[in-house]
Each structure stands twice: as structure tokens, then as C-alpha cells.
Amino acid sequence: MTRQDNRLTDGTPMLPVRCHQCGAGVQVRKASWQQTSVQWSAEAVLACLERRASVPGDGPNGSAFPACEALRESIRRAALDGVIPVPDN
């Protein structure tokens, strides 16, 4: 039996972060300074100003939402303030 590689998620819980602009609350986990996992709730999707204003584009990921810059900054600030831990790699 092969063990699934969970090194990036073992012991690192998803933690709440609120967007400084619209107040949307998401769950966040940092695997490194470059990699962030975000889980959106239905309420957060409705609250996010940038997400509501986006128009899906063409291509295979046309319905995918690329990112919310205000939320990205809120997550970055939470990581810099130590609210969201960033593992040493």
C-alpha cells in the first residue's frame, strides 16, 4: 500500500481570512510563500466584489475565476502578520 504524500497539508489546518475590501470570509492554507490554497463558501462568492464583477473568458478555464486582488492582499497581510503560518521549505 502506498501512502498518499500529504507533506504540504499534514498538520496545517485551513484558517479563516476576511477580505479587507468586501469582508468575504474564506478558508486559507499556505504551503509556501508562493502557494496558497483557498476554499470559497457560497457566502464568500456572493460577497466578493471582484468575483461578482468578473466575466468568464474563453478557453478551457473560461468559467474559472483567476483571483481577487483585494483578497490576495488580505491573505498576504495575514501571512506577514503571522495569522496564517507559512511552512519553512
N, C-alpha and C. Protein backbone atom coordinates (compact mmCIF):
# COMPACT_ATOMS: atom_id res chain seq x y z
N MET A 1 0.85 -1.18 0.00
CA MET A 1 0.00 0.00 0.00
C MET A 1 0.89 1.24 0.00
N THR A 2 0.55 2.19 -0.82
CA THR A 2 1.31 3.43 -0.93
C THR A 2 0.60 4.52 -0.13
N ARG A 3 1.39 5.23 0.68
CA ARG A 3 0.83 6.34 1.47
C ARG A 3 0.76 7.57 0.60
N GLN A 4 -0.38 8.24 0.65
CA GLN A 4 -0.53 9.49 -0.07
C GLN A 4 0.42 10.53 0.52
N ASP A 5 1.07 11.30 -0.35
CA ASP A 5 2.01 12.33 0.10
C ASP A 5 1.23 13.57 0.54
N ASN A 6 1.14 13.76 1.86
CA ASN A 6 0.42 14.90 2.42
C ASN A 6 1.37 15.86 3.14
N ARG A 7 2.64 15.89 2.77
CA ARG A 7 3.59 16.73 3.48
C ARG A 7 3.18 18.20 3.50
N LEU A 8 2.54 18.65 2.44
CA LEU A 8 2.17 20.06 2.39
C LEU A 8 0.92 20.37 3.22
N THR A 9 0.14 19.33 3.58
CA THR A 9 -1.09 19.58 4.31
C THR A 9 -1.10 18.96 5.69
N ASP A 10 -0.18 18.03 5.99
CA ASP A 10 -0.14 17.42 7.32
C ASP A 10 0.07 18.48 8.38
N GLY A 11 -0.86 18.56 9.33
CA GLY A 11 -0.69 19.46 10.46
C GLY A 11 -0.94 20.92 10.16
N THR A 12 -1.31 21.26 8.95
CA THR A 12 -1.56 22.65 8.59
C THR A 12 -3.04 22.82 8.30
N PRO A 13 -3.78 23.35 9.24
CA PRO A 13 -5.23 23.48 9.03
C PRO A 13 -5.58 24.66 8.13
N MET A 14 -6.77 24.61 7.56
CA MET A 14 -7.32 25.75 6.85
C MET A 14 -7.74 26.76 7.92
N LEU A 15 -7.42 28.01 7.73
CA LEU A 15 -7.74 29.06 8.70
C LEU A 15 -8.55 30.17 8.02
N PRO A 16 -9.42 30.82 8.78
CA PRO A 16 -10.26 31.86 8.18
C PRO A 16 -9.50 33.16 7.93
N VAL A 17 -9.81 33.77 6.79
CA VAL A 17 -9.30 35.10 6.45
C VAL A 17 -10.47 35.87 5.85
N ARG A 18 -10.60 37.13 6.23
CA ARG A 18 -11.64 38.01 5.67
C ARG A 18 -10.97 39.05 4.77
N CYS A 19 -11.59 39.29 3.66
CA CYS A 19 -11.11 40.30 2.72
C CYS A 19 -11.26 41.69 3.35
N HIS A 20 -10.21 42.49 3.27
CA HIS A 20 -10.25 43.83 3.83
C HIS A 20 -11.18 44.77 3.05
N GLN A 21 -11.51 44.41 1.82
CA GLN A 21 -12.35 45.28 1.00
C GLN A 21 -13.84 44.97 1.14
N CYS A 22 -14.22 43.69 1.00
CA CYS A 22 -15.66 43.37 0.98
C CYS A 22 -16.10 42.51 2.16
N GLY A 23 -15.14 42.01 2.93
CA GLY A 23 -15.49 41.19 4.09
C GLY A 23 -15.76 39.74 3.80
N ALA A 24 -15.58 39.30 2.55
CA ALA A 24 -15.79 37.89 2.20
C ALA A 24 -14.87 37.03 3.07
N GLY A 25 -15.42 35.99 3.68
CA GLY A 25 -14.64 35.10 4.53
C GLY A 25 -14.35 33.80 3.81
N VAL A 26 -13.06 33.46 3.70
CA VAL A 26 -12.63 32.22 3.05
C VAL A 26 -11.75 31.44 4.03
N GLN A 27 -11.48 30.19 3.69
CA GLN A 27 -10.56 29.36 4.44
C GLN A 27 -9.26 29.28 3.65
N VAL A 28 -8.12 29.44 4.34
CA VAL A 28 -6.82 29.56 3.68
C VAL A 28 -5.79 28.66 4.33
N ARG A 29 -4.92 28.11 3.50
CA ARG A 29 -3.74 27.37 3.98
C ARG A 29 -2.58 27.74 3.07
N LYS A 30 -1.43 28.06 3.66
CA LYS A 30 -0.22 28.36 2.90
C LYS A 30 0.69 27.14 2.95
N ALA A 31 1.12 26.65 1.79
CA ALA A 31 2.10 25.58 1.72
C ALA A 31 3.50 26.17 1.57
N SER A 32 3.56 27.41 1.09
CA SER A 32 4.82 28.15 0.94
C SER A 32 4.42 29.60 0.67
N TRP A 33 5.41 30.47 0.51
CA TRP A 33 5.08 31.86 0.18
C TRP A 33 4.48 31.95 -1.22
N GLN A 34 4.82 30.98 -2.09
CA GLN A 34 4.32 31.02 -3.45
C GLN A 34 3.00 30.27 -3.63
N GLN A 35 2.64 29.34 -2.73
CA GLN A 35 1.46 28.50 -2.92
C GLN A 35 0.45 28.72 -1.81
N THR A 36 -0.78 29.01 -2.21
CA THR A 36 -1.87 29.25 -1.28
C THR A 36 -3.09 28.46 -1.73
N SER A 37 -3.73 27.77 -0.79
CA SER A 37 -5.00 27.10 -1.05
C SER A 37 -6.11 27.94 -0.44
N VAL A 38 -7.17 28.16 -1.21
CA VAL A 38 -8.30 28.96 -0.75
C VAL A 38 -9.57 28.18 -1.00
N GLN A 39 -10.41 28.07 0.03
CA GLN A 39 -11.73 27.48 -0.11
C GLN A 39 -12.78 28.58 0.04
N TRP A 40 -13.59 28.72 -0.99
CA TRP A 40 -14.64 29.73 -1.00
C TRP A 40 -15.95 29.11 -0.55
N SER A 41 -16.66 29.79 0.32
CA SER A 41 -18.03 29.38 0.68
C SER A 41 -18.98 30.07 -0.29
N ALA A 42 -20.22 29.62 -0.33
CA ALA A 42 -21.22 30.27 -1.18
C ALA A 42 -21.39 31.73 -0.78
N GLU A 43 -21.34 32.00 0.54
CA GLU A 43 -21.49 33.37 1.02
C GLU A 43 -20.34 34.26 0.55
N ALA A 44 -19.12 33.71 0.58
CA ALA A 44 -17.95 34.49 0.14
C ALA A 44 -18.03 34.81 -1.35
N VAL A 45 -18.50 33.84 -2.14
CA VAL A 45 -18.64 34.07 -3.58
C VAL A 45 -19.60 35.24 -3.83
N LEU A 46 -20.68 35.27 -3.10
CA LEU A 46 -21.65 36.36 -3.28
C LEU A 46 -21.14 37.70 -2.75
N ALA A 47 -20.31 37.67 -1.72
CA ALA A 47 -19.81 38.91 -1.11
C ALA A 47 -18.67 39.54 -1.89
N CYS A 48 -17.89 38.74 -2.60
CA CYS A 48 -16.68 39.23 -3.28
C CYS A 48 -17.02 40.17 -4.43
N LEU A 49 -16.62 41.41 -4.31
CA LEU A 49 -16.91 42.42 -5.33
C LEU A 49 -16.22 42.09 -6.65
N GLU A 50 -14.95 41.66 -6.60
CA GLU A 50 -14.21 41.37 -7.82
C GLU A 50 -14.77 40.12 -8.50
N ARG A 51 -15.16 39.13 -7.71
CA ARG A 51 -15.69 37.91 -8.29
C ARG A 51 -17.03 38.17 -8.99
N ARG A 52 -17.88 38.97 -8.36
CA ARG A 52 -19.17 39.30 -8.98
C ARG A 52 -18.99 40.13 -10.24
N ALA A 53 -17.94 40.95 -10.30
CA ALA A 53 -17.72 41.82 -11.45
C ALA A 53 -17.02 41.10 -12.61
N SER A 54 -16.45 39.91 -12.36
CA SER A 54 -15.70 39.22 -13.40
C SER A 54 -16.65 38.62 -14.43
N VAL A 55 -16.16 38.56 -15.64
CA VAL A 55 -16.90 37.94 -16.74
C VAL A 55 -16.07 36.76 -17.21
N PRO A 56 -16.66 35.55 -17.22
CA PRO A 56 -15.88 34.39 -17.69
C PRO A 56 -15.32 34.62 -19.08
N GLY A 57 -14.09 34.17 -19.27
CA GLY A 57 -13.44 34.34 -20.56
C GLY A 57 -13.56 33.11 -21.43
N ASP A 58 -12.86 33.11 -22.55
CA ASP A 58 -12.86 31.98 -23.46
C ASP A 58 -11.80 30.97 -23.03
N GLY A 59 -11.85 29.79 -23.61
CA GLY A 59 -10.84 28.78 -23.35
C GLY A 59 -11.31 27.72 -22.38
N PRO A 60 -10.45 26.74 -22.11
CA PRO A 60 -10.84 25.60 -21.28
C PRO A 60 -11.17 25.98 -19.84
N ASN A 61 -10.61 27.05 -19.33
CA ASN A 61 -10.89 27.50 -17.97
C ASN A 61 -11.70 28.78 -17.97
N GLY A 62 -12.51 28.96 -18.98
CA GLY A 62 -13.28 30.19 -19.14
C GLY A 62 -14.18 30.52 -17.97
N SER A 63 -14.70 29.51 -17.30
CA SER A 63 -15.58 29.78 -16.16
C SER A 63 -14.80 29.90 -14.86
N ALA A 64 -13.51 29.66 -14.89
CA ALA A 64 -12.68 29.76 -13.68
C ALA A 64 -12.45 31.23 -13.33
N PHE A 65 -12.46 31.52 -12.04
CA PHE A 65 -12.18 32.87 -11.56
C PHE A 65 -10.69 32.95 -11.25
N PRO A 66 -9.92 33.81 -11.92
CA PRO A 66 -8.47 33.81 -11.74
C PRO A 66 -8.01 34.24 -10.35
N ALA A 67 -8.54 35.30 -9.80
CA ALA A 67 -8.11 35.75 -8.48
C ALA A 67 -8.79 37.06 -8.12
N CYS A 68 -8.85 37.32 -6.84
CA CYS A 68 -9.32 38.60 -6.33
C CYS A 68 -8.11 39.30 -5.72
N GLU A 69 -7.74 40.42 -6.27
CA GLU A 69 -6.54 41.11 -5.80
C GLU A 69 -6.69 41.60 -4.36
N ALA A 70 -7.88 42.05 -3.98
CA ALA A 70 -8.10 42.52 -2.60
C ALA A 70 -7.96 41.36 -1.62
N LEU A 71 -8.51 40.20 -1.96
CA LEU A 71 -8.38 39.03 -1.09
C LEU A 71 -6.93 38.55 -1.04
N ARG A 72 -6.27 38.56 -2.19
CA ARG A 72 -4.85 38.16 -2.23
C ARG A 72 -4.02 39.03 -1.28
N GLU A 73 -4.29 40.32 -1.27
CA GLU A 73 -3.57 41.22 -0.36
C GLU A 73 -3.93 40.94 1.09
N SER A 74 -5.19 40.62 1.37
CA SER A 74 -5.60 40.28 2.74
C SER A 74 -4.89 39.01 3.22
N ILE A 75 -4.76 38.03 2.34
CA ILE A 75 -4.07 36.79 2.69
C ILE A 75 -2.58 37.06 2.90
N ARG A 76 -2.00 37.85 2.03
CA ARG A 76 -0.57 38.20 2.17
C ARG A 76 -0.32 38.90 3.50
N ARG A 77 -1.19 39.83 3.85
CA ARG A 77 -1.05 40.56 5.12
C ARG A 77 -1.20 39.60 6.30
N ALA A 78 -2.16 38.67 6.23
CA ALA A 78 -2.35 37.68 7.30
C ALA A 78 -1.10 36.81 7.46
N ALA A 79 -0.47 36.45 6.35
CA ALA A 79 0.75 35.64 6.42
C ALA A 79 1.90 36.46 7.02
N LEU A 80 2.06 37.70 6.59
CA LEU A 80 3.12 38.55 7.13
C LEU A 80 2.93 38.84 8.62
N ASP A 81 1.66 38.93 9.04
CA ASP A 81 1.36 39.20 10.45
C ASP A 81 1.40 37.93 11.31
N GLY A 82 1.61 36.77 10.67
CA GLY A 82 1.69 35.52 11.43
C GLY A 82 0.34 34.88 11.73
N VAL A 83 -0.74 35.44 11.20
CA VAL A 83 -2.07 34.87 11.40
C VAL A 83 -2.20 33.56 10.65
N ILE A 84 -1.66 33.51 9.45
CA ILE A 84 -1.61 32.30 8.62
C ILE A 84 -0.15 31.83 8.60
N PRO A 85 0.13 30.64 9.16
CA PRO A 85 1.50 30.17 9.16
C PRO A 85 1.97 29.80 7.75
N VAL A 86 3.24 30.06 7.47
CA VAL A 86 3.86 29.69 6.20
C VAL A 86 4.99 28.72 6.55
N PRO A 87 4.86 27.43 6.15
CA PRO A 87 5.90 26.45 6.49
C PRO A 87 7.24 26.79 5.87
N ASP A 88 8.31 26.42 6.57
CA ASP A 88 9.65 26.54 6.01
C ASP A 88 9.84 25.42 5.01
N ASN A 89 10.32 25.73 3.83
CA ASN A 89 10.54 24.68 2.83
C ASN A 89 12.00 24.46 2.60
